[in-house]
């Protein structure tokens, strides 16, 4: 841990929200590879932007081209991958932006770490809202989709530590939102999430 550092306060989250006329929060998509979470997350980002809201999507593959390019897929690296993304998402949300993350994030403990990060904010009275969205589909459906051919490689032993095959996926028990992409269209999934956000007062469609 770094030493000889001092936290420098900035605008409060309330001030930022008032200036930008929206609240910041994190929407955390989790699910198996090929569960459709990135597809729905991308469509949600686009929809929110069209509503005039500031939103930014952090994708599991994309961040490994830069921020997390030094990490592999061992259990230890997966933990660090999620920790870093939790911190980045928190920064986006603190800036009054809607942070949308799309990561397999297979372990409950790691997702809890990301959630807990949002509950602690220096100089703030309230935690940053953290909404877990579970893209819930059966493993066999994910394998049938397999757009990248990853399950086939994992079954052949070519990819170690592959979630759902040689590494476990711990499904959320109390996700705020559950979407079933094998039963719902992308548009229906987005509508479900947007309606939940409006019902909870996190966004207001009437003013957009």
N, C-alpha and C. Protein backbone atom coordinates (compact mmCIF):
# COMPACT_ATOMS: atom_id res chain seq x y z
N UNK A 1 0.84 -1.20 0.00
CA UNK A 1 0.00 0.00 0.00
C UNK A 1 0.88 1.25 0.00
N UNK A 2 0.46 2.25 -0.78
CA UNK A 2 1.24 3.47 -0.87
C UNK A 2 1.22 4.22 0.46
N UNK A 3 2.31 4.89 0.76
CA UNK A 3 2.41 5.70 1.96
C UNK A 3 2.66 7.16 1.57
N UNK A 4 2.57 8.03 2.56
CA UNK A 4 2.81 9.47 2.34
C UNK A 4 1.90 10.06 1.27
N UNK A 5 0.64 9.64 1.31
CA UNK A 5 -0.35 10.20 0.39
C UNK A 5 -1.47 10.86 1.19
N UNK A 6 -2.10 11.86 0.61
CA UNK A 6 -3.16 12.60 1.29
C UNK A 6 -4.34 12.73 0.34
N UNK A 7 -5.55 12.47 0.85
CA UNK A 7 -6.75 12.60 0.04
C UNK A 7 -7.09 14.06 -0.17
N UNK A 8 -7.31 14.46 -1.42
CA UNK A 8 -7.66 15.84 -1.74
C UNK A 8 -9.14 15.90 -2.08
N UNK A 9 -9.94 16.56 -1.27
CA UNK A 9 -11.38 16.63 -1.51
C UNK A 9 -11.71 17.46 -2.74
N UNK A 10 -12.86 17.16 -3.33
CA UNK A 10 -13.32 17.88 -4.51
C UNK A 10 -14.78 18.25 -4.30
N UNK A 11 -15.52 18.49 -5.37
CA UNK A 11 -16.94 18.76 -5.26
C UNK A 11 -17.64 17.56 -4.64
N UNK A 12 -18.70 17.82 -3.91
CA UNK A 12 -19.49 16.72 -3.37
C UNK A 12 -20.25 16.04 -4.49
N UNK A 13 -20.67 14.81 -4.27
CA UNK A 13 -21.45 14.11 -5.29
C UNK A 13 -22.77 14.83 -5.55
N UNK A 14 -23.35 15.41 -4.50
CA UNK A 14 -24.60 16.16 -4.66
C UNK A 14 -24.40 17.34 -5.59
N UNK A 15 -23.30 18.05 -5.41
CA UNK A 15 -23.01 19.20 -6.28
C UNK A 15 -22.83 18.75 -7.73
N UNK A 16 -22.10 17.67 -7.92
CA UNK A 16 -21.89 17.17 -9.29
C UNK A 16 -23.22 16.77 -9.92
N UNK A 17 -24.05 16.08 -9.15
CA UNK A 17 -25.34 15.63 -9.67
C UNK A 17 -26.22 16.81 -10.05
N UNK A 18 -26.19 17.85 -9.24
CA UNK A 18 -27.00 19.03 -9.54
C UNK A 18 -26.49 19.73 -10.79
N UNK A 19 -25.17 19.78 -10.95
CA UNK A 19 -24.60 20.42 -12.14
C UNK A 19 -24.92 19.64 -13.41
N UNK A 20 -24.88 18.33 -13.32
CA UNK A 20 -25.08 17.50 -14.50
C UNK A 20 -26.53 17.06 -14.67
N UNK A 21 -27.33 17.36 -13.65
CA UNK A 21 -28.77 17.05 -13.70
C UNK A 21 -29.03 15.56 -13.87
N UNK A 22 -28.23 14.75 -13.19
CA UNK A 22 -28.48 13.31 -13.14
C UNK A 22 -27.67 12.71 -12.00
N UNK A 23 -28.10 11.55 -11.57
CA UNK A 23 -27.38 10.83 -10.52
C UNK A 23 -26.38 9.87 -11.15
N UNK A 24 -25.29 9.65 -10.43
CA UNK A 24 -24.32 8.65 -10.86
C UNK A 24 -24.53 7.36 -10.09
N UNK A 25 -24.37 6.24 -10.77
CA UNK A 25 -24.48 4.94 -10.11
C UNK A 25 -23.85 3.90 -11.01
N UNK A 26 -23.69 2.69 -10.50
CA UNK A 26 -23.08 1.61 -11.27
C UNK A 26 -24.09 0.50 -11.52
N UNK A 27 -24.17 0.08 -12.78
CA UNK A 27 -24.97 -1.09 -13.16
C UNK A 27 -23.97 -2.19 -13.50
N UNK A 28 -23.97 -3.24 -12.71
CA UNK A 28 -22.96 -4.30 -12.82
C UNK A 28 -23.59 -5.56 -13.44
N UNK A 29 -23.28 -5.80 -14.71
CA UNK A 29 -23.77 -7.02 -15.37
C UNK A 29 -22.85 -8.19 -15.05
N UNK A 30 -23.43 -9.30 -14.70
CA UNK A 30 -22.67 -10.53 -14.47
C UNK A 30 -23.39 -11.69 -15.14
N UNK A 31 -22.63 -12.68 -15.56
CA UNK A 31 -23.24 -13.85 -16.21
C UNK A 31 -22.18 -14.64 -16.95
N UNK A 32 -22.54 -15.82 -17.37
CA UNK A 32 -21.63 -16.68 -18.11
C UNK A 32 -21.17 -16.03 -19.41
N UNK A 33 -20.06 -16.51 -19.94
CA UNK A 33 -19.66 -16.11 -21.29
C UNK A 33 -20.79 -16.51 -22.25
N UNK A 34 -21.14 -15.62 -23.16
CA UNK A 34 -22.21 -15.83 -24.14
C UNK A 34 -23.59 -15.78 -23.51
N UNK A 35 -23.70 -15.17 -22.33
CA UNK A 35 -25.01 -15.03 -21.69
C UNK A 35 -25.79 -13.84 -22.26
N UNK A 36 -25.12 -13.01 -23.05
CA UNK A 36 -25.78 -11.85 -23.64
C UNK A 36 -25.62 -10.58 -22.84
N UNK A 37 -24.82 -10.63 -21.77
CA UNK A 37 -24.69 -9.45 -20.90
C UNK A 37 -24.06 -8.27 -21.62
N UNK A 38 -23.04 -8.50 -22.44
CA UNK A 38 -22.41 -7.38 -23.15
C UNK A 38 -23.34 -6.79 -24.20
N UNK A 39 -24.13 -7.64 -24.85
CA UNK A 39 -25.08 -7.17 -25.85
C UNK A 39 -26.13 -6.27 -25.21
N UNK A 40 -26.66 -6.71 -24.09
CA UNK A 40 -27.67 -5.91 -23.39
C UNK A 40 -27.04 -4.65 -22.81
N UNK A 41 -25.83 -4.77 -22.25
CA UNK A 41 -25.15 -3.61 -21.68
C UNK A 41 -24.90 -2.54 -22.74
N UNK A 42 -24.51 -2.97 -23.93
CA UNK A 42 -24.26 -2.03 -25.03
C UNK A 42 -25.55 -1.33 -25.44
N UNK A 43 -26.61 -2.09 -25.55
CA UNK A 43 -27.91 -1.52 -25.93
C UNK A 43 -28.42 -0.57 -24.84
N UNK A 44 -28.18 -0.93 -23.59
CA UNK A 44 -28.60 -0.06 -22.49
C UNK A 44 -27.83 1.25 -22.51
N UNK A 45 -26.52 1.17 -22.73
CA UNK A 45 -25.71 2.39 -22.80
C UNK A 45 -26.24 3.31 -23.90
N UNK A 46 -26.50 2.74 -25.06
CA UNK A 46 -27.00 3.53 -26.19
C UNK A 46 -28.34 4.16 -25.86
N UNK A 47 -29.22 3.40 -25.23
CA UNK A 47 -30.55 3.90 -24.89
C UNK A 47 -30.45 5.06 -23.90
N UNK A 48 -29.62 4.91 -22.88
CA UNK A 48 -29.47 5.97 -21.87
C UNK A 48 -28.88 7.24 -22.49
N UNK A 49 -27.92 7.06 -23.40
CA UNK A 49 -27.33 8.22 -24.08
C UNK A 49 -28.38 8.94 -24.92
N UNK A 50 -29.23 8.17 -25.58
CA UNK A 50 -30.29 8.78 -26.39
C UNK A 50 -31.30 9.52 -25.52
N UNK A 51 -31.40 9.12 -24.26
CA UNK A 51 -32.27 9.82 -23.33
C UNK A 51 -31.63 11.10 -22.81
N UNK A 52 -30.38 11.32 -23.18
CA UNK A 52 -29.68 12.53 -22.74
C UNK A 52 -28.91 12.34 -21.45
N UNK A 53 -28.72 11.10 -21.04
CA UNK A 53 -27.99 10.79 -19.81
C UNK A 53 -26.55 10.42 -20.13
N UNK A 54 -25.63 10.81 -19.26
CA UNK A 54 -24.22 10.44 -19.43
C UNK A 54 -24.03 9.02 -18.92
N UNK A 55 -23.56 8.14 -19.80
CA UNK A 55 -23.35 6.74 -19.44
C UNK A 55 -22.10 6.24 -20.14
N UNK A 56 -21.40 5.30 -19.50
CA UNK A 56 -20.21 4.73 -20.14
C UNK A 56 -20.09 3.26 -19.74
N UNK A 57 -19.83 2.44 -20.75
CA UNK A 57 -19.75 0.99 -20.55
C UNK A 57 -18.30 0.53 -20.46
N UNK A 58 -18.01 -0.24 -19.43
CA UNK A 58 -16.71 -0.88 -19.24
C UNK A 58 -16.90 -2.36 -19.55
N UNK A 59 -16.26 -2.83 -20.62
CA UNK A 59 -16.47 -4.20 -21.08
C UNK A 59 -15.31 -5.11 -20.67
N UNK A 60 -15.63 -6.34 -20.33
CA UNK A 60 -14.64 -7.29 -19.84
C UNK A 60 -13.46 -7.50 -20.77
N UNK A 61 -13.72 -7.64 -22.07
CA UNK A 61 -12.64 -7.81 -23.03
C UNK A 61 -11.89 -6.50 -23.27
N UNK A 62 -12.63 -5.42 -23.40
CA UNK A 62 -12.01 -4.15 -23.76
C UNK A 62 -10.97 -3.67 -22.75
N UNK A 63 -11.27 -3.82 -21.46
CA UNK A 63 -10.32 -3.31 -20.46
C UNK A 63 -9.03 -4.12 -20.43
N UNK A 64 -9.07 -5.34 -20.98
CA UNK A 64 -7.86 -6.16 -21.00
C UNK A 64 -6.91 -5.75 -22.14
N UNK A 65 -7.34 -4.82 -22.97
CA UNK A 65 -6.45 -4.27 -23.97
C UNK A 65 -5.60 -3.14 -23.39
N UNK A 66 -5.99 -2.63 -22.23
CA UNK A 66 -5.28 -1.50 -21.66
C UNK A 66 -5.09 -1.63 -20.16
N UNK A 67 -6.07 -1.15 -19.41
CA UNK A 67 -5.98 -1.10 -17.95
C UNK A 67 -5.55 -2.42 -17.33
N UNK A 68 -6.13 -3.52 -17.80
CA UNK A 68 -5.86 -4.82 -17.19
C UNK A 68 -5.12 -5.78 -18.11
N UNK A 69 -4.30 -5.23 -19.02
CA UNK A 69 -3.60 -6.09 -19.96
C UNK A 69 -2.52 -6.94 -19.30
N UNK A 70 -2.18 -6.62 -18.06
CA UNK A 70 -1.17 -7.41 -17.34
C UNK A 70 -1.78 -8.58 -16.60
N UNK A 71 -3.09 -8.76 -16.69
CA UNK A 71 -3.77 -9.82 -15.93
C UNK A 71 -4.18 -10.97 -16.84
N UNK A 72 -4.07 -12.19 -16.29
CA UNK A 72 -4.52 -13.38 -17.00
C UNK A 72 -5.90 -13.80 -16.51
N UNK A 73 -6.16 -15.11 -16.49
CA UNK A 73 -7.47 -15.60 -16.09
C UNK A 73 -7.39 -16.59 -14.93
N UNK A 74 -6.30 -16.56 -14.19
CA UNK A 74 -6.23 -17.36 -12.97
C UNK A 74 -7.20 -16.77 -11.96
N UNK A 75 -7.53 -17.54 -10.92
CA UNK A 75 -8.46 -17.03 -9.91
C UNK A 75 -7.92 -15.74 -9.29
N UNK A 76 -6.61 -15.69 -9.03
CA UNK A 76 -6.00 -14.50 -8.44
C UNK A 76 -6.14 -13.29 -9.37
N UNK A 77 -5.89 -13.49 -10.65
CA UNK A 77 -5.99 -12.39 -11.60
C UNK A 77 -7.44 -11.95 -11.81
N UNK A 78 -8.36 -12.89 -11.74
CA UNK A 78 -9.77 -12.53 -11.87
C UNK A 78 -10.20 -11.63 -10.71
N UNK A 79 -9.71 -11.95 -9.52
CA UNK A 79 -10.02 -11.13 -8.34
C UNK A 79 -9.52 -9.70 -8.54
N UNK A 80 -8.27 -9.57 -8.98
CA UNK A 80 -7.69 -8.24 -9.19
C UNK A 80 -8.39 -7.51 -10.33
N UNK A 81 -8.77 -8.24 -11.36
CA UNK A 81 -9.49 -7.66 -12.49
C UNK A 81 -10.77 -6.98 -12.00
N UNK A 82 -11.53 -7.69 -11.19
CA UNK A 82 -12.80 -7.15 -10.70
C UNK A 82 -12.57 -6.02 -9.71
N UNK A 83 -11.54 -6.12 -8.88
CA UNK A 83 -11.24 -5.05 -7.93
C UNK A 83 -10.95 -3.74 -8.68
N UNK A 84 -10.12 -3.83 -9.70
CA UNK A 84 -9.78 -2.62 -10.46
C UNK A 84 -11.01 -2.01 -11.12
N UNK A 85 -11.83 -2.86 -11.72
CA UNK A 85 -13.02 -2.36 -12.40
C UNK A 85 -14.00 -1.76 -11.40
N UNK A 86 -14.09 -2.37 -10.22
CA UNK A 86 -14.95 -1.80 -9.19
C UNK A 86 -14.52 -0.40 -8.82
N UNK A 87 -13.21 -0.20 -8.72
CA UNK A 87 -12.68 1.13 -8.40
C UNK A 87 -12.95 2.13 -9.53
N UNK A 88 -12.75 1.70 -10.78
CA UNK A 88 -12.98 2.59 -11.92
C UNK A 88 -14.46 2.95 -12.04
N UNK A 89 -15.33 1.94 -11.89
CA UNK A 89 -16.77 2.19 -11.97
C UNK A 89 -17.19 3.17 -10.89
N UNK A 90 -16.62 3.04 -9.71
CA UNK A 90 -16.94 3.95 -8.61
C UNK A 90 -16.56 5.39 -8.97
N UNK A 91 -15.41 5.57 -9.62
CA UNK A 91 -14.99 6.91 -10.03
C UNK A 91 -15.97 7.51 -11.05
N UNK A 92 -16.38 6.69 -12.02
CA UNK A 92 -17.35 7.16 -13.00
C UNK A 92 -18.65 7.56 -12.31
N UNK A 93 -19.14 6.69 -11.43
CA UNK A 93 -20.41 6.96 -10.75
C UNK A 93 -20.31 8.18 -9.86
N UNK A 94 -19.16 8.36 -9.23
CA UNK A 94 -18.97 9.51 -8.35
C UNK A 94 -18.99 10.81 -9.15
N UNK A 95 -18.66 10.73 -10.45
CA UNK A 95 -18.64 11.92 -11.30
C UNK A 95 -20.02 12.23 -11.87
N UNK A 96 -21.05 11.54 -11.38
CA UNK A 96 -22.43 11.70 -11.86
C UNK A 96 -22.63 11.12 -13.25
N UNK A 97 -21.89 10.05 -13.53
CA UNK A 97 -22.05 9.29 -14.76
C UNK A 97 -22.63 7.92 -14.42
N UNK A 98 -23.41 7.35 -15.31
CA UNK A 98 -23.91 5.99 -15.11
C UNK A 98 -22.85 5.03 -15.64
N UNK A 99 -22.21 4.32 -14.74
CA UNK A 99 -21.19 3.35 -15.11
C UNK A 99 -21.86 2.00 -15.36
N UNK A 100 -21.60 1.43 -16.52
CA UNK A 100 -22.17 0.13 -16.88
C UNK A 100 -21.01 -0.84 -17.07
N UNK A 101 -20.96 -1.88 -16.27
CA UNK A 101 -19.87 -2.85 -16.41
C UNK A 101 -20.43 -4.18 -16.91
N UNK A 102 -19.65 -4.85 -17.74
CA UNK A 102 -20.07 -6.14 -18.29
C UNK A 102 -18.92 -7.13 -18.13
N UNK A 103 -18.96 -7.90 -17.05
CA UNK A 103 -17.90 -8.84 -16.71
C UNK A 103 -18.52 -10.14 -16.23
N UNK A 104 -17.89 -11.25 -16.58
CA UNK A 104 -18.36 -12.53 -16.05
C UNK A 104 -18.40 -12.45 -14.53
N UNK A 105 -17.35 -11.90 -13.94
CA UNK A 105 -17.24 -11.76 -12.47
C UNK A 105 -17.87 -12.96 -11.76
N UNK A 106 -17.23 -14.13 -11.88
CA UNK A 106 -17.87 -15.38 -11.47
C UNK A 106 -18.01 -15.62 -9.97
N UNK A 107 -17.24 -14.90 -9.16
CA UNK A 107 -17.23 -15.21 -7.73
C UNK A 107 -18.04 -14.20 -6.91
N UNK A 108 -18.89 -14.71 -6.04
CA UNK A 108 -19.74 -13.85 -5.21
C UNK A 108 -18.89 -12.90 -4.38
N UNK A 109 -17.80 -13.40 -3.83
CA UNK A 109 -16.96 -12.58 -2.95
C UNK A 109 -16.41 -11.37 -3.69
N UNK A 110 -16.03 -11.56 -4.95
CA UNK A 110 -15.47 -10.46 -5.73
C UNK A 110 -16.53 -9.43 -6.07
N UNK A 111 -17.71 -9.90 -6.42
CA UNK A 111 -18.81 -8.96 -6.70
C UNK A 111 -19.19 -8.19 -5.43
N UNK A 112 -19.07 -8.85 -4.29
CA UNK A 112 -19.35 -8.17 -3.04
C UNK A 112 -18.31 -7.10 -2.76
N UNK A 113 -17.07 -7.38 -3.11
CA UNK A 113 -16.00 -6.38 -2.95
C UNK A 113 -16.34 -5.14 -3.79
N UNK A 114 -16.76 -5.36 -5.03
CA UNK A 114 -17.12 -4.23 -5.90
C UNK A 114 -18.29 -3.45 -5.30
N UNK A 115 -19.26 -4.17 -4.76
CA UNK A 115 -20.41 -3.51 -4.14
C UNK A 115 -19.97 -2.72 -2.91
N UNK A 116 -19.13 -3.33 -2.10
CA UNK A 116 -18.68 -2.68 -0.87
C UNK A 116 -17.87 -1.41 -1.17
N UNK A 117 -17.11 -1.42 -2.27
CA UNK A 117 -16.36 -0.23 -2.66
C UNK A 117 -17.29 0.97 -2.84
N UNK A 118 -18.48 0.70 -3.35
CA UNK A 118 -19.43 1.78 -3.60
C UNK A 118 -20.12 2.26 -2.32
N UNK A 119 -20.00 1.48 -1.26
CA UNK A 119 -20.65 1.86 -0.01
C UNK A 119 -19.77 2.77 0.84
N UNK A 120 -18.52 2.93 0.44
CA UNK A 120 -17.59 3.77 1.19
C UNK A 120 -17.12 4.89 0.28
N UNK A 121 -17.48 6.10 0.61
CA UNK A 121 -17.07 7.26 -0.17
C UNK A 121 -16.60 8.36 0.77
N UNK A 122 -15.39 8.80 0.62
CA UNK A 122 -14.82 9.81 1.50
C UNK A 122 -15.62 11.11 1.43
N UNK A 123 -16.00 11.60 2.61
CA UNK A 123 -16.69 12.88 2.69
C UNK A 123 -18.14 12.85 2.24
N UNK A 124 -18.69 11.67 1.96
CA UNK A 124 -20.08 11.56 1.50
C UNK A 124 -20.93 10.87 2.55
N UNK A 125 -22.18 11.28 2.62
CA UNK A 125 -23.09 10.69 3.61
C UNK A 125 -23.77 9.43 3.10
N UNK A 126 -23.90 9.30 1.77
CA UNK A 126 -24.63 8.17 1.21
C UNK A 126 -23.73 7.35 0.29
N UNK A 127 -23.96 6.04 0.25
CA UNK A 127 -23.19 5.20 -0.68
C UNK A 127 -23.62 5.45 -2.11
N UNK A 128 -22.77 5.06 -3.04
CA UNK A 128 -23.11 5.14 -4.46
C UNK A 128 -24.00 3.95 -4.80
N UNK A 129 -25.14 4.15 -5.43
CA UNK A 129 -26.00 3.02 -5.78
C UNK A 129 -25.27 2.01 -6.67
N UNK A 130 -25.42 0.75 -6.33
CA UNK A 130 -24.78 -0.35 -7.06
C UNK A 130 -25.88 -1.34 -7.42
N UNK A 131 -26.12 -1.52 -8.70
CA UNK A 131 -27.21 -2.37 -9.17
C UNK A 131 -26.63 -3.58 -9.91
N UNK A 132 -26.84 -4.74 -9.35
CA UNK A 132 -26.35 -5.97 -9.98
C UNK A 132 -27.41 -6.51 -10.93
N UNK A 133 -27.01 -6.74 -12.18
CA UNK A 133 -27.92 -7.31 -13.18
C UNK A 133 -27.38 -8.68 -13.57
N UNK A 134 -28.16 -9.70 -13.33
CA UNK A 134 -27.75 -11.07 -13.62
C UNK A 134 -28.34 -11.52 -14.95
N UNK A 135 -27.46 -11.75 -15.93
CA UNK A 135 -27.88 -12.32 -17.21
C UNK A 135 -27.96 -13.83 -17.02
N UNK A 136 -29.15 -14.30 -16.73
CA UNK A 136 -29.37 -15.67 -16.27
C UNK A 136 -29.81 -16.57 -17.43
N UNK A 137 -28.88 -17.40 -17.90
CA UNK A 137 -29.24 -18.40 -18.90
C UNK A 137 -28.60 -19.73 -18.54
N UNK A 138 -29.18 -20.85 -18.96
CA UNK A 138 -28.58 -22.16 -18.69
C UNK A 138 -27.23 -22.30 -19.40
N UNK A 139 -26.34 -23.06 -18.80
CA UNK A 139 -25.02 -23.28 -19.39
C UNK A 139 -25.14 -23.87 -20.80
N UNK A 140 -26.08 -24.78 -21.00
CA UNK A 140 -26.20 -25.41 -22.31
C UNK A 140 -26.59 -24.41 -23.40
N UNK A 141 -27.35 -23.40 -23.02
CA UNK A 141 -27.72 -22.36 -23.99
C UNK A 141 -26.50 -21.52 -24.34
N UNK A 142 -25.72 -21.17 -23.32
CA UNK A 142 -24.49 -20.40 -23.56
C UNK A 142 -23.55 -21.18 -24.48
N UNK A 143 -23.46 -22.49 -24.26
CA UNK A 143 -22.58 -23.32 -25.10
C UNK A 143 -23.09 -23.40 -26.53
N UNK A 144 -24.40 -23.43 -26.70
CA UNK A 144 -24.97 -23.47 -28.04
C UNK A 144 -24.68 -22.18 -28.80
N UNK A 145 -24.69 -21.08 -28.08
CA UNK A 145 -24.38 -19.78 -28.72
C UNK A 145 -22.90 -19.73 -29.08
N UNK A 146 -22.07 -19.77 -28.08
CA UNK A 146 -20.60 -19.82 -28.21
C UNK A 146 -20.07 -19.04 -29.41
N UNK A 147 -20.34 -17.72 -29.49
CA UNK A 147 -19.94 -16.96 -30.69
C UNK A 147 -18.43 -16.90 -30.91
N UNK A 148 -17.66 -17.03 -29.86
CA UNK A 148 -16.20 -16.96 -30.00
C UNK A 148 -15.54 -18.34 -30.04
N UNK A 149 -16.35 -19.39 -29.92
CA UNK A 149 -15.79 -20.75 -29.91
C UNK A 149 -15.02 -21.08 -28.66
N UNK A 150 -15.28 -20.34 -27.57
CA UNK A 150 -14.51 -20.52 -26.34
C UNK A 150 -14.91 -21.78 -25.59
N UNK A 151 -16.20 -22.09 -25.57
CA UNK A 151 -16.64 -23.30 -24.86
C UNK A 151 -16.06 -24.55 -25.52
N UNK A 152 -16.04 -24.55 -26.83
CA UNK A 152 -15.49 -25.69 -27.56
C UNK A 152 -14.02 -25.88 -27.21
N UNK A 153 -13.27 -24.78 -27.15
CA UNK A 153 -11.86 -24.86 -26.79
C UNK A 153 -11.70 -25.29 -25.34
N UNK A 154 -12.57 -24.79 -24.47
CA UNK A 154 -12.49 -25.15 -23.05
C UNK A 154 -12.78 -26.64 -22.85
N UNK A 155 -13.79 -27.15 -23.56
CA UNK A 155 -14.12 -28.59 -23.48
C UNK A 155 -12.96 -29.45 -23.97
N UNK A 156 -12.19 -28.91 -24.91
CA UNK A 156 -11.04 -29.65 -25.46
C UNK A 156 -9.80 -29.50 -24.58
N UNK A 157 -9.92 -28.68 -23.52
CA UNK A 157 -8.79 -28.49 -22.62
C UNK A 157 -7.80 -27.44 -23.08
N UNK A 158 -8.18 -26.67 -24.11
CA UNK A 158 -7.27 -25.66 -24.64
C UNK A 158 -7.30 -24.35 -23.85
N UNK A 159 -8.37 -24.14 -23.07
CA UNK A 159 -8.47 -22.92 -22.25
C UNK A 159 -8.64 -23.33 -20.79
N UNK A 160 -7.62 -23.13 -19.97
CA UNK A 160 -7.75 -23.46 -18.55
C UNK A 160 -8.55 -22.39 -17.81
N UNK A 161 -9.09 -22.75 -16.67
CA UNK A 161 -9.82 -21.81 -15.81
C UNK A 161 -10.97 -21.14 -16.56
N UNK A 162 -11.70 -21.90 -17.35
CA UNK A 162 -12.80 -21.31 -18.10
C UNK A 162 -14.09 -21.45 -17.31
N UNK A 163 -14.73 -20.31 -17.05
CA UNK A 163 -15.92 -20.28 -16.21
C UNK A 163 -17.05 -21.14 -16.77
N UNK A 164 -17.59 -21.97 -15.91
CA UNK A 164 -18.69 -22.85 -16.29
C UNK A 164 -18.23 -24.22 -16.71
N UNK A 165 -16.93 -24.33 -17.07
CA UNK A 165 -16.39 -25.62 -17.51
C UNK A 165 -15.34 -26.12 -16.52
N UNK A 166 -14.23 -25.41 -16.43
CA UNK A 166 -13.16 -25.83 -15.53
C UNK A 166 -12.99 -24.89 -14.34
N UNK A 167 -13.84 -23.87 -14.28
CA UNK A 167 -13.84 -22.93 -13.16
C UNK A 167 -15.29 -22.60 -12.85
N UNK A 168 -15.66 -22.48 -11.58
CA UNK A 168 -17.07 -22.32 -11.24
C UNK A 168 -17.62 -20.93 -11.52
N UNK A 169 -18.93 -20.85 -11.72
CA UNK A 169 -19.64 -19.59 -11.75
C UNK A 169 -20.63 -19.60 -10.59
N UNK A 170 -20.49 -18.64 -9.70
CA UNK A 170 -21.36 -18.55 -8.53
C UNK A 170 -22.46 -17.53 -8.83
N UNK A 171 -23.64 -18.03 -9.13
CA UNK A 171 -24.74 -17.16 -9.54
C UNK A 171 -25.20 -16.28 -8.38
N UNK A 172 -25.58 -15.04 -8.68
CA UNK A 172 -26.11 -14.15 -7.63
C UNK A 172 -27.38 -14.72 -7.02
N UNK A 173 -27.54 -14.49 -5.73
CA UNK A 173 -28.75 -14.94 -5.04
C UNK A 173 -29.74 -13.80 -4.86
N UNK A 174 -29.22 -12.58 -4.84
CA UNK A 174 -30.09 -11.43 -4.58
C UNK A 174 -29.80 -10.27 -5.52
N UNK A 175 -29.62 -10.57 -6.80
CA UNK A 175 -29.38 -9.51 -7.77
C UNK A 175 -30.58 -8.58 -7.82
N UNK A 176 -30.32 -7.28 -7.97
CA UNK A 176 -31.41 -6.33 -8.06
C UNK A 176 -32.28 -6.60 -9.28
N UNK A 177 -31.67 -7.00 -10.38
CA UNK A 177 -32.40 -7.24 -11.62
C UNK A 177 -31.92 -8.55 -12.24
N UNK A 178 -32.84 -9.34 -12.74
CA UNK A 178 -32.50 -10.57 -13.46
C UNK A 178 -33.12 -10.49 -14.86
N UNK A 179 -32.28 -10.71 -15.87
CA UNK A 179 -32.79 -10.77 -17.25
C UNK A 179 -32.44 -12.14 -17.81
N UNK A 180 -33.36 -12.70 -18.54
CA UNK A 180 -33.17 -14.02 -19.16
C UNK A 180 -33.09 -13.82 -20.66
N UNK A 181 -31.87 -13.70 -21.17
CA UNK A 181 -31.69 -13.33 -22.57
C UNK A 181 -32.08 -14.42 -23.54
N UNK A 182 -32.32 -15.63 -23.07
CA UNK A 182 -32.80 -16.69 -23.94
C UNK A 182 -34.32 -16.68 -24.04
N UNK A 183 -34.96 -15.87 -23.19
CA UNK A 183 -36.41 -15.77 -23.20
C UNK A 183 -36.90 -14.37 -23.55
N UNK A 184 -36.04 -13.38 -23.33
CA UNK A 184 -36.39 -11.99 -23.59
C UNK A 184 -35.52 -11.44 -24.72
N UNK A 185 -36.08 -10.54 -25.51
CA UNK A 185 -35.29 -9.86 -26.53
C UNK A 185 -34.38 -8.84 -25.87
N UNK A 186 -33.40 -8.36 -26.61
CA UNK A 186 -32.50 -7.32 -26.07
C UNK A 186 -33.33 -6.10 -25.66
N UNK A 187 -34.28 -5.73 -26.50
CA UNK A 187 -35.12 -4.56 -26.21
C UNK A 187 -35.94 -4.77 -24.93
N UNK A 188 -36.42 -5.97 -24.73
CA UNK A 188 -37.19 -6.26 -23.52
C UNK A 188 -36.30 -6.22 -22.28
N UNK A 189 -35.08 -6.70 -22.41
CA UNK A 189 -34.15 -6.66 -21.28
C UNK A 189 -33.83 -5.22 -20.91
N UNK A 190 -33.56 -4.38 -21.92
CA UNK A 190 -33.26 -2.98 -21.67
C UNK A 190 -34.46 -2.29 -21.02
N UNK A 191 -35.65 -2.56 -21.52
CA UNK A 191 -36.86 -1.95 -20.97
C UNK A 191 -37.05 -2.34 -19.51
N UNK A 192 -36.75 -3.60 -19.18
CA UNK A 192 -36.87 -4.06 -17.80
C UNK A 192 -35.94 -3.27 -16.88
N UNK A 193 -34.72 -3.08 -17.33
CA UNK A 193 -33.72 -2.37 -16.52
C UNK A 193 -34.08 -0.89 -16.37
N UNK A 194 -34.45 -0.26 -17.48
CA UNK A 194 -34.80 1.17 -17.45
C UNK A 194 -36.01 1.41 -16.55
N UNK A 195 -37.00 0.52 -16.63
CA UNK A 195 -38.19 0.67 -15.79
C UNK A 195 -37.82 0.55 -14.33
N UNK A 196 -36.93 -0.39 -14.00
CA UNK A 196 -36.48 -0.56 -12.61
C UNK A 196 -35.78 0.71 -12.13
N UNK A 197 -34.92 1.27 -12.95
CA UNK A 197 -34.18 2.49 -12.57
C UNK A 197 -35.13 3.65 -12.33
N UNK A 198 -36.16 3.76 -13.19
CA UNK A 198 -37.12 4.85 -13.01
C UNK A 198 -37.96 4.62 -11.75
N UNK A 199 -38.37 3.38 -11.52
CA UNK A 199 -39.17 3.08 -10.34
C UNK A 199 -38.42 3.40 -9.05
N UNK A 200 -37.09 3.23 -9.08
CA UNK A 200 -36.28 3.48 -7.90
C UNK A 200 -35.84 4.94 -7.80
N UNK A 201 -36.23 5.75 -8.76
CA UNK A 201 -35.91 7.17 -8.71
C UNK A 201 -34.48 7.49 -9.11
N UNK A 202 -33.79 6.56 -9.77
CA UNK A 202 -32.41 6.81 -10.18
C UNK A 202 -32.33 7.59 -11.49
N UNK A 203 -33.35 7.46 -12.31
CA UNK A 203 -33.47 8.28 -13.50
C UNK A 203 -34.92 8.78 -13.59
N UNK A 204 -35.10 9.85 -14.32
CA UNK A 204 -36.45 10.40 -14.52
C UNK A 204 -36.67 10.63 -16.00
N UNK A 205 -37.45 9.78 -16.62
CA UNK A 205 -37.70 9.88 -18.05
C UNK A 205 -38.57 11.06 -18.40
N UNK A 206 -39.36 11.54 -17.45
CA UNK A 206 -40.28 12.64 -17.72
C UNK A 206 -39.57 13.95 -17.99
N UNK A 207 -38.33 14.04 -17.52
CA UNK A 207 -37.59 15.31 -17.70
C UNK A 207 -36.65 15.25 -18.89
N UNK A 208 -36.63 14.11 -19.59
CA UNK A 208 -35.70 13.96 -20.73
C UNK A 208 -36.45 14.09 -22.05
